[in-house]
């Protein structure tokens, strides 16, 4: 998929330079898929081989022991903090908006799901559970390179694949990983794709020739 896709990436990067770091994303348009059936909806976390190109925030809710192991967590919260979140859901909502992914010790998942699931669930941010005693460092590292492909009940959805200043070949690798994962979820594979576009935050959408996708 190299040549044609690289050309589409380069075209999507064209345009006026902005004062902020523009993201690049894919827009998927599906066809012949009944999105009213939950089994056809896409809700996947995909590790980008080239990373996100920007800082991704991961929060850990865990015991003292696990928090000490997780040197790469951006935010660390204890059981006491969890209880405070439950008491002040308004403050927790503000926190959730700043955090991309949550990780939690599995023993705390019941309390989190029961009391905070109503906030985390609709945002697709329910924590990834980690067994007691396990080192969450690698999981956190993977999440910092991950994106979420989530269609809900819509045939059109968007997935970030990096930022505009990343090298074309790295963006191509990320694009490949995301497209392959989405295709693998579709009953008829590539035949369920009406079109795929790539665009920057402020740029125009550029069509990706489905024939260039392996």
N, C-alpha and C. Protein backbone atom coordinates (compact mmCIF):
# COMPACT_ATOMS: atom_id res chain seq x y z
N UNK A 1 0.81 -1.21 0.00
CA UNK A 1 0.00 0.00 0.00
C UNK A 1 0.85 1.26 0.00
N UNK A 2 2.15 1.16 -0.23
CA UNK A 2 3.08 2.27 0.00
C UNK A 2 2.83 3.49 -0.87
N UNK A 3 3.04 3.37 -2.22
CA UNK A 3 3.05 4.55 -3.09
C UNK A 3 1.82 5.41 -3.04
N UNK A 4 0.65 4.82 -3.33
CA UNK A 4 -0.59 5.59 -3.36
C UNK A 4 -0.95 6.17 -2.02
N UNK A 5 -0.73 5.41 -0.96
CA UNK A 5 -1.05 5.88 0.38
C UNK A 5 -0.13 7.03 0.79
N UNK A 6 1.16 6.89 0.51
CA UNK A 6 2.12 7.97 0.82
C UNK A 6 1.70 9.26 0.12
N UNK A 7 1.27 9.14 -1.13
CA UNK A 7 0.83 10.32 -1.89
C UNK A 7 -0.38 10.96 -1.22
N UNK A 8 -1.32 10.14 -0.74
CA UNK A 8 -2.51 10.67 -0.05
C UNK A 8 -2.11 11.37 1.25
N UNK A 9 -1.15 10.78 1.97
CA UNK A 9 -0.67 11.38 3.21
C UNK A 9 -0.05 12.75 2.93
N UNK A 10 0.78 12.81 1.91
CA UNK A 10 1.44 14.07 1.56
C UNK A 10 0.43 15.14 1.17
N UNK A 11 -0.60 14.73 0.44
CA UNK A 11 -1.64 15.69 0.03
C UNK A 11 -2.42 16.19 1.25
N UNK A 12 -2.68 15.28 2.18
CA UNK A 12 -3.42 15.67 3.40
C UNK A 12 -2.62 16.62 4.27
N UNK A 13 -1.29 16.56 4.17
CA UNK A 13 -0.43 17.43 4.97
C UNK A 13 -0.33 18.85 4.40
N UNK A 14 -0.70 19.01 3.14
CA UNK A 14 -0.57 20.32 2.50
C UNK A 14 -1.54 21.33 3.13
N UNK A 15 -1.20 22.59 2.98
CA UNK A 15 -2.07 23.64 3.51
C UNK A 15 -1.32 24.56 4.45
N UNK A 16 -2.01 25.56 4.92
CA UNK A 16 -1.43 26.58 5.78
C UNK A 16 -0.93 25.99 7.09
N UNK A 17 0.27 26.43 7.50
CA UNK A 17 0.81 25.99 8.78
C UNK A 17 0.03 26.64 9.92
N UNK A 18 -0.29 25.87 10.92
CA UNK A 18 -1.05 26.37 12.07
C UNK A 18 -0.12 26.58 13.27
N UNK A 19 -0.62 27.28 14.26
CA UNK A 19 0.18 27.55 15.46
C UNK A 19 0.08 26.43 16.49
N UNK A 20 -0.61 25.37 16.14
CA UNK A 20 -0.74 24.22 17.03
C UNK A 20 -0.42 22.96 16.24
N UNK A 21 -0.18 21.88 16.96
CA UNK A 21 0.16 20.61 16.32
C UNK A 21 -1.11 19.95 15.80
N UNK A 22 -1.23 19.89 14.48
CA UNK A 22 -2.42 19.29 13.87
C UNK A 22 -2.36 17.77 13.90
N UNK A 23 -3.48 17.17 14.23
CA UNK A 23 -3.59 15.72 14.20
C UNK A 23 -3.95 15.26 12.79
N UNK A 24 -3.66 13.99 12.52
CA UNK A 24 -4.11 13.34 11.30
C UNK A 24 -5.06 12.23 11.69
N UNK A 25 -6.15 12.10 10.97
CA UNK A 25 -7.12 11.06 11.30
C UNK A 25 -7.68 10.43 10.03
N UNK A 26 -8.19 9.22 10.22
CA UNK A 26 -8.88 8.52 9.14
C UNK A 26 -10.38 8.64 9.35
N UNK A 27 -11.11 8.83 8.27
CA UNK A 27 -12.57 8.80 8.30
C UNK A 27 -13.02 7.56 7.55
N UNK A 28 -13.68 6.65 8.25
CA UNK A 28 -14.19 5.42 7.64
C UNK A 28 -15.67 5.58 7.33
N UNK A 29 -16.05 5.18 6.13
CA UNK A 29 -17.46 5.14 5.73
C UNK A 29 -17.80 3.70 5.36
N UNK A 30 -18.70 3.11 6.13
CA UNK A 30 -19.06 1.71 5.92
C UNK A 30 -20.29 1.58 5.03
N UNK A 31 -20.46 0.40 4.45
CA UNK A 31 -21.65 0.12 3.64
C UNK A 31 -22.09 -1.32 3.89
N UNK A 32 -23.38 -1.55 3.66
CA UNK A 32 -23.96 -2.90 3.80
C UNK A 32 -23.68 -3.51 5.17
N UNK A 33 -23.74 -2.66 6.20
CA UNK A 33 -23.54 -3.13 7.57
C UNK A 33 -24.71 -2.62 8.41
N UNK A 34 -25.35 -3.54 9.14
CA UNK A 34 -26.46 -3.16 10.02
C UNK A 34 -25.90 -2.69 11.36
N UNK A 35 -25.78 -1.38 11.52
CA UNK A 35 -25.18 -0.84 12.74
C UNK A 35 -26.14 -0.84 13.92
N UNK A 36 -27.39 -1.21 13.69
CA UNK A 36 -28.32 -1.34 14.82
C UNK A 36 -28.04 -2.62 15.60
N UNK A 37 -27.28 -3.54 14.99
CA UNK A 37 -26.88 -4.78 15.66
C UNK A 37 -25.54 -4.53 16.36
N UNK A 38 -25.52 -4.60 17.70
CA UNK A 38 -24.30 -4.30 18.45
C UNK A 38 -23.08 -5.11 18.02
N UNK A 39 -23.27 -6.31 17.51
CA UNK A 39 -22.11 -7.14 17.14
C UNK A 39 -21.39 -6.58 15.91
N UNK A 40 -22.06 -5.71 15.16
CA UNK A 40 -21.43 -5.12 13.98
C UNK A 40 -20.71 -3.81 14.29
N UNK A 41 -20.88 -3.32 15.50
CA UNK A 41 -20.25 -2.05 15.87
C UNK A 41 -18.78 -2.27 16.22
N UNK A 42 -17.98 -1.29 15.90
CA UNK A 42 -16.54 -1.38 16.13
C UNK A 42 -16.17 -0.62 17.39
N UNK A 43 -15.47 -1.29 18.28
CA UNK A 43 -14.97 -0.66 19.50
C UNK A 43 -13.64 -1.34 19.83
N UNK A 44 -12.58 -0.86 19.20
CA UNK A 44 -11.27 -1.50 19.29
C UNK A 44 -10.20 -0.51 19.75
N UNK A 45 -9.26 -1.01 20.54
CA UNK A 45 -8.07 -0.23 20.86
C UNK A 45 -6.93 -0.79 20.02
N UNK A 46 -6.26 0.08 19.30
CA UNK A 46 -5.24 -0.34 18.34
C UNK A 46 -3.92 0.32 18.68
N UNK A 47 -2.87 -0.48 18.82
CA UNK A 47 -1.54 0.06 19.08
C UNK A 47 -0.95 0.55 17.76
N UNK A 48 -0.56 1.81 17.73
CA UNK A 48 0.07 2.37 16.53
C UNK A 48 1.56 2.08 16.58
N UNK A 49 2.11 1.38 15.57
CA UNK A 49 3.53 1.02 15.60
C UNK A 49 4.46 2.23 15.68
N UNK A 50 4.01 3.36 15.13
CA UNK A 50 4.83 4.57 15.16
C UNK A 50 4.48 5.52 16.28
N UNK A 51 3.56 5.11 17.17
CA UNK A 51 3.15 5.96 18.27
C UNK A 51 2.17 7.03 17.84
N UNK A 52 1.70 7.80 18.82
CA UNK A 52 0.69 8.83 18.57
C UNK A 52 1.29 10.16 18.10
N UNK A 53 2.56 10.39 18.42
CA UNK A 53 3.17 11.66 18.05
C UNK A 53 2.84 12.79 19.00
N UNK A 54 2.13 12.48 20.07
CA UNK A 54 1.81 13.48 21.08
C UNK A 54 1.64 12.78 22.43
N UNK A 55 1.60 13.59 23.48
CA UNK A 55 1.54 13.06 24.84
C UNK A 55 0.15 12.51 25.14
N UNK A 56 0.10 11.25 25.54
CA UNK A 56 -1.16 10.59 25.90
C UNK A 56 -1.16 10.34 27.40
N UNK A 57 -2.22 10.75 28.07
CA UNK A 57 -2.30 10.67 29.52
C UNK A 57 -2.97 9.37 29.97
N UNK A 58 -2.28 8.65 30.86
CA UNK A 58 -2.81 7.40 31.42
C UNK A 58 -2.86 7.53 32.94
N UNK A 59 -3.99 7.17 33.53
CA UNK A 59 -4.16 7.21 34.98
C UNK A 59 -4.24 5.80 35.54
N UNK A 60 -3.65 5.60 36.70
CA UNK A 60 -3.67 4.30 37.38
C UNK A 60 -4.37 4.45 38.73
N UNK A 61 -5.33 3.58 38.99
CA UNK A 61 -5.99 3.50 40.30
C UNK A 61 -5.60 2.15 40.90
N UNK A 62 -4.80 2.18 41.96
CA UNK A 62 -4.23 0.92 42.45
C UNK A 62 -3.68 1.05 43.87
N UNK A 63 -3.19 -0.08 44.37
CA UNK A 63 -2.57 -0.13 45.69
C UNK A 63 -1.23 0.59 45.68
N UNK A 64 -0.68 0.82 46.88
CA UNK A 64 0.63 1.48 46.99
C UNK A 64 1.69 0.72 46.21
N UNK A 65 1.66 -0.60 46.33
CA UNK A 65 2.67 -1.44 45.68
C UNK A 65 2.64 -1.28 44.16
N UNK A 66 1.46 -1.34 43.58
CA UNK A 66 1.35 -1.24 42.13
C UNK A 66 1.68 0.17 41.65
N UNK A 67 1.30 1.17 42.41
CA UNK A 67 1.59 2.55 42.00
C UNK A 67 3.09 2.80 41.98
N UNK A 68 3.83 2.19 42.89
CA UNK A 68 5.29 2.34 42.91
C UNK A 68 5.93 1.74 41.66
N UNK A 69 5.35 0.65 41.16
CA UNK A 69 5.90 -0.01 39.97
C UNK A 69 5.65 0.81 38.70
N UNK A 70 4.56 1.54 38.68
CA UNK A 70 4.13 2.23 37.45
C UNK A 70 4.77 3.61 37.35
N UNK A 71 6.04 3.63 37.00
CA UNK A 71 6.75 4.91 36.90
C UNK A 71 6.27 5.74 35.71
N UNK A 72 5.66 5.10 34.72
CA UNK A 72 5.26 5.82 33.51
C UNK A 72 3.80 6.27 33.52
N UNK A 73 3.09 6.06 34.63
CA UNK A 73 1.71 6.54 34.72
C UNK A 73 1.72 8.06 34.94
N UNK A 74 0.85 8.76 34.25
CA UNK A 74 0.80 10.22 34.37
C UNK A 74 0.07 10.66 35.64
N UNK A 75 -0.92 9.87 36.03
CA UNK A 75 -1.68 10.14 37.25
C UNK A 75 -1.78 8.84 38.03
N UNK A 76 -1.65 8.94 39.37
CA UNK A 76 -1.75 7.76 40.21
C UNK A 76 -2.72 8.04 41.36
N UNK A 77 -3.66 7.11 41.54
CA UNK A 77 -4.68 7.30 42.56
C UNK A 77 -4.82 6.06 43.43
N UNK A 78 -5.11 6.28 44.71
CA UNK A 78 -5.24 5.21 45.69
C UNK A 78 -6.71 4.83 45.87
N UNK A 79 -6.94 3.84 46.74
CA UNK A 79 -8.31 3.45 47.08
C UNK A 79 -9.04 4.62 47.74
N UNK A 80 -8.31 5.37 48.56
CA UNK A 80 -8.90 6.55 49.21
C UNK A 80 -9.32 7.59 48.16
N UNK A 81 -8.46 7.79 47.17
CA UNK A 81 -8.80 8.71 46.08
C UNK A 81 -10.05 8.23 45.34
N UNK A 82 -10.13 6.92 45.13
CA UNK A 82 -11.28 6.33 44.45
C UNK A 82 -12.56 6.65 45.21
N UNK A 83 -12.51 6.50 46.53
CA UNK A 83 -13.69 6.81 47.35
C UNK A 83 -14.07 8.28 47.25
N UNK A 84 -13.06 9.15 47.15
CA UNK A 84 -13.33 10.58 46.99
C UNK A 84 -13.99 10.86 45.64
N UNK A 85 -13.55 10.13 44.61
CA UNK A 85 -14.17 10.29 43.29
C UNK A 85 -15.64 9.90 43.35
N UNK A 86 -15.92 8.83 44.06
CA UNK A 86 -17.30 8.35 44.18
C UNK A 86 -18.16 9.39 44.88
N UNK A 87 -17.57 10.09 45.86
CA UNK A 87 -18.31 11.12 46.61
C UNK A 87 -18.47 12.42 45.82
N UNK A 88 -17.55 12.68 44.91
CA UNK A 88 -17.59 13.94 44.15
C UNK A 88 -17.48 13.63 42.66
N UNK A 89 -18.58 13.19 42.09
CA UNK A 89 -18.58 12.78 40.68
C UNK A 89 -18.39 13.96 39.73
N UNK A 90 -18.76 15.15 40.15
CA UNK A 90 -18.57 16.33 39.30
C UNK A 90 -17.08 16.58 39.06
N UNK A 91 -16.29 16.48 40.13
CA UNK A 91 -14.84 16.66 40.00
C UNK A 91 -14.24 15.53 39.17
N UNK A 92 -14.78 14.32 39.33
CA UNK A 92 -14.27 13.18 38.58
C UNK A 92 -14.52 13.35 37.08
N UNK A 93 -15.66 13.90 36.72
CA UNK A 93 -15.95 14.15 35.30
C UNK A 93 -14.90 15.06 34.68
N UNK A 94 -14.50 16.10 35.40
CA UNK A 94 -13.48 17.02 34.90
C UNK A 94 -12.15 16.29 34.71
N UNK A 95 -11.84 15.40 35.65
CA UNK A 95 -10.60 14.63 35.56
C UNK A 95 -10.62 13.71 34.35
N UNK A 96 -11.74 13.05 34.13
CA UNK A 96 -11.88 12.10 33.02
C UNK A 96 -11.60 12.79 31.68
N UNK A 97 -12.01 14.04 31.56
CA UNK A 97 -11.80 14.76 30.30
C UNK A 97 -10.32 15.03 30.01
N UNK A 98 -9.47 14.97 31.04
CA UNK A 98 -8.03 15.22 30.86
C UNK A 98 -7.25 13.95 30.59
N UNK A 99 -7.88 12.80 30.82
CA UNK A 99 -7.18 11.51 30.76
C UNK A 99 -7.67 10.69 29.57
N UNK A 100 -6.71 10.11 28.85
CA UNK A 100 -7.06 9.32 27.66
C UNK A 100 -7.42 7.88 28.01
N UNK A 101 -6.68 7.27 28.95
CA UNK A 101 -6.91 5.88 29.33
C UNK A 101 -6.78 5.71 30.84
N UNK A 102 -7.55 4.77 31.38
CA UNK A 102 -7.46 4.42 32.79
C UNK A 102 -7.02 2.97 32.92
N UNK A 103 -6.21 2.72 33.95
CA UNK A 103 -5.80 1.36 34.33
C UNK A 103 -6.13 1.22 35.81
N UNK A 104 -6.61 0.05 36.22
CA UNK A 104 -6.96 -0.13 37.63
C UNK A 104 -6.61 -1.53 38.11
N UNK A 105 -6.24 -1.63 39.36
CA UNK A 105 -6.02 -2.95 39.97
C UNK A 105 -7.36 -3.69 39.95
N UNK A 106 -7.32 -4.94 39.57
CA UNK A 106 -8.56 -5.69 39.32
C UNK A 106 -9.47 -5.75 40.54
N UNK A 107 -8.89 -5.71 41.74
CA UNK A 107 -9.71 -5.77 42.96
C UNK A 107 -10.58 -4.52 43.14
N UNK A 108 -10.26 -3.46 42.42
CA UNK A 108 -11.02 -2.21 42.54
C UNK A 108 -12.05 -2.05 41.42
N UNK A 109 -12.02 -2.97 40.45
CA UNK A 109 -12.88 -2.81 39.28
C UNK A 109 -14.37 -2.84 39.62
N UNK A 110 -14.75 -3.65 40.63
CA UNK A 110 -16.15 -3.73 41.01
C UNK A 110 -16.69 -2.39 41.48
N UNK A 111 -15.94 -1.74 42.37
CA UNK A 111 -16.35 -0.43 42.89
C UNK A 111 -16.37 0.62 41.79
N UNK A 112 -15.37 0.55 40.92
CA UNK A 112 -15.29 1.52 39.83
C UNK A 112 -16.49 1.36 38.88
N UNK A 113 -16.76 0.12 38.50
CA UNK A 113 -17.87 -0.13 37.59
C UNK A 113 -19.21 0.26 38.18
N UNK A 114 -19.41 -0.06 39.44
CA UNK A 114 -20.70 0.21 40.10
C UNK A 114 -20.95 1.70 40.28
N UNK A 115 -19.92 2.43 40.69
CA UNK A 115 -20.11 3.83 41.06
C UNK A 115 -19.71 4.84 39.99
N UNK A 116 -18.72 4.49 39.18
CA UNK A 116 -18.19 5.45 38.21
C UNK A 116 -18.38 5.01 36.76
N UNK A 117 -18.90 3.80 36.58
CA UNK A 117 -19.11 3.28 35.23
C UNK A 117 -20.03 4.15 34.40
N UNK A 118 -20.98 4.80 35.05
CA UNK A 118 -21.92 5.67 34.35
C UNK A 118 -21.22 6.86 33.70
N UNK A 119 -20.06 7.23 34.26
CA UNK A 119 -19.26 8.32 33.70
C UNK A 119 -18.25 7.78 32.68
N UNK A 120 -17.57 6.70 33.05
CA UNK A 120 -16.50 6.16 32.22
C UNK A 120 -17.01 5.40 31.00
N UNK A 121 -18.08 4.63 31.18
CA UNK A 121 -18.59 3.77 30.11
C UNK A 121 -18.94 4.50 28.83
N UNK A 122 -19.82 5.51 28.89
CA UNK A 122 -20.21 6.22 27.66
C UNK A 122 -19.04 6.90 26.95
N UNK A 123 -17.98 7.19 27.69
CA UNK A 123 -16.80 7.84 27.11
C UNK A 123 -15.79 6.82 26.59
N UNK A 124 -16.10 5.54 26.76
CA UNK A 124 -15.18 4.49 26.32
C UNK A 124 -13.90 4.45 27.14
N UNK A 125 -13.99 4.81 28.43
CA UNK A 125 -12.79 4.92 29.25
C UNK A 125 -12.81 4.02 30.48
N UNK A 126 -13.57 2.93 30.42
CA UNK A 126 -13.51 1.98 31.53
C UNK A 126 -12.07 1.47 31.67
N UNK A 127 -11.58 1.35 32.91
CA UNK A 127 -10.17 0.97 33.11
C UNK A 127 -9.83 -0.42 32.60
N UNK A 128 -8.58 -0.58 32.21
CA UNK A 128 -8.04 -1.89 31.90
C UNK A 128 -7.61 -2.52 33.22
N UNK A 129 -8.11 -3.71 33.56
CA UNK A 129 -7.77 -4.33 34.84
C UNK A 129 -6.38 -4.95 34.85
N UNK A 130 -5.70 -4.84 35.98
CA UNK A 130 -4.39 -5.45 36.18
C UNK A 130 -4.45 -6.28 37.45
N UNK A 131 -4.09 -7.57 37.40
CA UNK A 131 -4.12 -8.42 38.59
C UNK A 131 -3.21 -7.88 39.69
N UNK A 132 -3.56 -8.08 40.96
CA UNK A 132 -2.72 -7.64 42.07
C UNK A 132 -1.31 -8.21 41.95
N UNK A 133 -0.32 -7.38 42.22
CA UNK A 133 1.08 -7.82 42.18
C UNK A 133 1.73 -7.71 40.82
N UNK A 134 0.94 -7.54 39.77
CA UNK A 134 1.50 -7.45 38.42
C UNK A 134 2.01 -6.03 38.14
N UNK A 135 3.07 -5.95 37.35
CA UNK A 135 3.63 -4.66 36.96
C UNK A 135 2.85 -4.12 35.76
N UNK A 136 2.21 -2.95 35.89
CA UNK A 136 1.40 -2.41 34.79
C UNK A 136 2.18 -1.58 33.78
N UNK A 137 3.50 -1.52 33.92
CA UNK A 137 4.32 -0.63 33.10
C UNK A 137 4.13 -0.86 31.60
N UNK A 138 4.19 -2.13 31.16
CA UNK A 138 4.08 -2.41 29.72
C UNK A 138 2.69 -2.08 29.19
N UNK A 139 1.66 -2.37 29.97
CA UNK A 139 0.30 -2.04 29.55
C UNK A 139 0.16 -0.53 29.36
N UNK A 140 0.70 0.23 30.31
CA UNK A 140 0.62 1.68 30.22
C UNK A 140 1.38 2.18 28.99
N UNK A 141 2.55 1.58 28.74
CA UNK A 141 3.35 1.97 27.58
C UNK A 141 2.58 1.72 26.28
N UNK A 142 1.89 0.57 26.21
CA UNK A 142 1.10 0.25 25.02
C UNK A 142 -0.07 1.23 24.84
N UNK A 143 -0.70 1.59 25.95
CA UNK A 143 -1.83 2.52 25.87
C UNK A 143 -1.40 3.89 25.37
N UNK A 144 -0.19 4.29 25.72
CA UNK A 144 0.32 5.59 25.27
C UNK A 144 0.52 5.62 23.75
N UNK A 145 0.56 4.45 23.13
CA UNK A 145 0.70 4.36 21.68
C UNK A 145 -0.61 3.92 21.01
N UNK A 146 -1.69 3.89 21.77
CA UNK A 146 -2.94 3.33 21.27
C UNK A 146 -3.96 4.39 20.87
N UNK A 147 -4.84 3.99 19.96
CA UNK A 147 -5.99 4.80 19.59
C UNK A 147 -7.24 3.94 19.72
N UNK A 148 -8.37 4.60 19.82
CA UNK A 148 -9.63 3.87 19.93
C UNK A 148 -10.43 4.06 18.64
N UNK A 149 -10.79 2.96 18.01
CA UNK A 149 -11.68 2.99 16.85
C UNK A 149 -13.07 2.63 17.36
N UNK A 150 -13.97 3.60 17.33
CA UNK A 150 -15.29 3.39 17.93
C UNK A 150 -16.38 3.94 17.01
N UNK A 151 -17.17 3.05 16.47
CA UNK A 151 -18.21 3.47 15.52
C UNK A 151 -19.53 3.82 16.19
N UNK A 152 -19.75 3.29 17.38
CA UNK A 152 -21.07 3.32 18.00
C UNK A 152 -22.07 2.75 16.98
N UNK A 153 -23.20 3.42 16.75
CA UNK A 153 -24.17 2.87 15.80
C UNK A 153 -24.14 3.62 14.46
N UNK A 154 -23.00 4.27 14.18
CA UNK A 154 -22.88 5.07 12.96
C UNK A 154 -22.01 4.35 11.91
N UNK A 155 -22.32 4.59 10.65
CA UNK A 155 -21.51 4.00 9.58
C UNK A 155 -20.27 4.84 9.27
N UNK A 156 -20.24 6.06 9.76
CA UNK A 156 -19.07 6.92 9.59
C UNK A 156 -18.44 7.19 10.95
N UNK A 157 -17.14 6.98 11.05
CA UNK A 157 -16.43 7.23 12.30
C UNK A 157 -14.99 7.60 12.00
N UNK A 158 -14.33 8.22 12.97
CA UNK A 158 -12.98 8.75 12.78
C UNK A 158 -12.00 8.12 13.76
N UNK A 159 -10.77 7.93 13.30
CA UNK A 159 -9.71 7.34 14.13
C UNK A 159 -8.42 8.14 13.93
N UNK A 160 -7.82 8.69 14.99
CA UNK A 160 -6.55 9.40 14.85
C UNK A 160 -5.41 8.43 14.53
N UNK A 161 -4.47 8.88 13.70
CA UNK A 161 -3.33 8.01 13.36
C UNK A 161 -1.99 8.71 13.56
N UNK A 162 -2.00 9.89 14.15
CA UNK A 162 -0.74 10.58 14.40
C UNK A 162 -0.91 12.08 14.30
N UNK A 163 0.22 12.76 14.07
CA UNK A 163 0.20 14.22 13.91
C UNK A 163 0.91 14.59 12.62
N UNK A 164 0.65 15.79 12.16
CA UNK A 164 1.08 16.23 10.83
C UNK A 164 2.60 16.22 10.65
N UNK A 165 3.36 16.47 11.73
CA UNK A 165 4.81 16.58 11.57
C UNK A 165 5.55 15.25 11.68
N UNK A 166 4.81 14.14 11.77
CA UNK A 166 5.45 12.82 11.77
C UNK A 166 5.88 12.46 10.35
N UNK A 167 6.95 11.66 10.19
CA UNK A 167 7.39 11.23 8.85
C UNK A 167 6.29 10.47 8.11
N UNK A 168 6.25 10.62 6.80
CA UNK A 168 5.22 9.97 5.99
C UNK A 168 5.20 8.46 6.17
N UNK A 169 6.39 7.84 6.23
CA UNK A 169 6.43 6.38 6.33
C UNK A 169 5.89 5.90 7.67
N UNK A 170 6.09 6.69 8.73
CA UNK A 170 5.57 6.32 10.05
C UNK A 170 4.05 6.43 10.06
N UNK A 171 3.54 7.50 9.48
CA UNK A 171 2.08 7.66 9.38
C UNK A 171 1.49 6.53 8.55
N UNK A 172 2.19 6.13 7.49
CA UNK A 172 1.72 5.03 6.65
C UNK A 172 1.63 3.73 7.44
N UNK A 173 2.61 3.47 8.30
CA UNK A 173 2.58 2.28 9.15
C UNK A 173 1.37 2.31 10.09
N UNK A 174 1.14 3.48 10.68
CA UNK A 174 0.00 3.62 11.59
C UNK A 174 -1.32 3.43 10.85
N UNK A 175 -1.40 4.04 9.66
CA UNK A 175 -2.60 3.92 8.83
C UNK A 175 -2.87 2.46 8.50
N UNK A 176 -1.83 1.75 8.12
CA UNK A 176 -1.94 0.33 7.78
C UNK A 176 -2.49 -0.48 8.95
N UNK A 177 -1.95 -0.21 10.15
CA UNK A 177 -2.38 -0.95 11.34
C UNK A 177 -3.86 -0.72 11.63
N UNK A 178 -4.30 0.52 11.50
CA UNK A 178 -5.70 0.85 11.81
C UNK A 178 -6.64 0.27 10.76
N UNK A 179 -6.31 0.45 9.49
CA UNK A 179 -7.18 -0.04 8.42
C UNK A 179 -7.32 -1.56 8.49
N UNK A 180 -6.20 -2.25 8.69
CA UNK A 180 -6.25 -3.72 8.77
C UNK A 180 -7.13 -4.18 9.94
N UNK A 181 -7.02 -3.47 11.07
CA UNK A 181 -7.81 -3.87 12.24
C UNK A 181 -9.29 -3.65 11.99
N UNK A 182 -9.64 -2.53 11.37
CA UNK A 182 -11.05 -2.27 11.08
C UNK A 182 -11.59 -3.29 10.09
N UNK A 183 -10.83 -3.56 9.04
CA UNK A 183 -11.25 -4.55 8.04
C UNK A 183 -11.47 -5.92 8.68
N UNK A 184 -10.61 -6.29 9.62
CA UNK A 184 -10.72 -7.60 10.27
C UNK A 184 -12.01 -7.74 11.07
N UNK A 185 -12.59 -6.61 11.47
CA UNK A 185 -13.81 -6.63 12.26
C UNK A 185 -15.06 -6.70 11.38
N UNK A 186 -14.92 -6.38 10.11
CA UNK A 186 -16.08 -6.32 9.21
C UNK A 186 -16.39 -7.69 8.63
N UNK A 187 -17.66 -8.03 8.58
CA UNK A 187 -18.09 -9.36 8.13
C UNK A 187 -17.59 -9.67 6.72
N UNK A 188 -17.66 -8.68 5.83
CA UNK A 188 -17.22 -8.88 4.44
C UNK A 188 -15.89 -8.19 4.16
N UNK A 189 -15.17 -7.89 5.22
CA UNK A 189 -13.85 -7.29 5.07
C UNK A 189 -13.88 -5.98 4.30
N UNK A 190 -12.96 -5.83 3.36
CA UNK A 190 -12.83 -4.59 2.60
C UNK A 190 -14.10 -4.25 1.83
N UNK A 191 -14.91 -5.26 1.51
CA UNK A 191 -16.15 -5.03 0.75
C UNK A 191 -17.16 -4.19 1.54
N UNK A 192 -17.00 -4.14 2.86
CA UNK A 192 -17.88 -3.32 3.69
C UNK A 192 -17.40 -1.87 3.83
N UNK A 193 -16.28 -1.55 3.18
CA UNK A 193 -15.77 -0.18 3.20
C UNK A 193 -16.27 0.57 1.97
N UNK A 194 -17.06 1.61 2.19
CA UNK A 194 -17.48 2.46 1.07
C UNK A 194 -16.35 3.38 0.67
N UNK A 195 -15.65 3.93 1.67
CA UNK A 195 -14.52 4.81 1.41
C UNK A 195 -13.74 5.04 2.69
N UNK A 196 -12.48 5.45 2.52
CA UNK A 196 -11.63 5.84 3.64
C UNK A 196 -10.92 7.14 3.24
N UNK A 197 -10.97 8.12 4.12
CA UNK A 197 -10.31 9.40 3.87
C UNK A 197 -9.29 9.68 4.96
N UNK A 198 -8.27 10.46 4.62
CA UNK A 198 -7.31 10.96 5.60
C UNK A 198 -7.38 12.48 5.58
N UNK A 199 -7.34 13.10 6.76
CA UNK A 199 -7.36 14.56 6.82
C UNK A 199 -6.63 15.03 8.07
N UNK A 200 -6.13 16.26 8.00
CA UNK A 200 -5.55 16.90 9.18
C UNK A 200 -6.65 17.68 9.90
N UNK A 201 -6.34 18.19 11.08
CA UNK A 201 -7.35 18.89 11.88
C UNK A 201 -8.05 19.99 11.09
N UNK A 202 -7.28 20.81 10.37
CA UNK A 202 -7.84 21.95 9.65
C UNK A 202 -7.80 21.76 8.13
N UNK A 203 -7.39 20.60 7.68
CA UNK A 203 -7.20 20.38 6.25
C UNK A 203 -8.38 19.70 5.57
N UNK A 204 -8.23 19.51 4.28
CA UNK A 204 -9.27 18.86 3.49
C UNK A 204 -9.13 17.34 3.59
N UNK A 205 -10.23 16.66 3.34
CA UNK A 205 -10.22 15.19 3.34
C UNK A 205 -9.69 14.69 2.00
N UNK A 206 -8.77 13.74 2.07
CA UNK A 206 -8.16 13.16 0.87
C UNK A 206 -8.53 11.69 0.80
N UNK A 207 -9.09 11.28 -0.32
CA UNK A 207 -9.50 9.89 -0.48
C UNK A 207 -8.30 8.95 -0.55
N UNK A 208 -8.44 7.80 0.09
CA UNK A 208 -7.43 6.74 -0.02
C UNK A 208 -7.99 5.67 -0.94
N UNK A 209 -7.29 5.37 -1.99
CA UNK A 209 -7.71 4.35 -2.95
C UNK A 209 -7.72 3.00 -2.24
N UNK A 210 -8.89 2.38 -2.13
CA UNK A 210 -9.00 1.10 -1.44
C UNK A 210 -8.17 0.02 -2.13
N UNK A 211 -7.86 0.22 -3.40
CA UNK A 211 -7.00 -0.73 -4.10
C UNK A 211 -5.58 -0.71 -3.60
N UNK A 212 -5.18 0.37 -2.92
CA UNK A 212 -3.83 0.47 -2.37
C UNK A 212 -3.71 -0.18 -0.99
N UNK A 213 -4.86 -0.59 -0.45
CA UNK A 213 -4.87 -1.18 0.89
C UNK A 213 -4.75 -2.69 0.78
N UNK A 214 -3.73 -3.22 1.44
CA UNK A 214 -3.45 -4.65 1.33
C UNK A 214 -4.44 -5.46 2.15
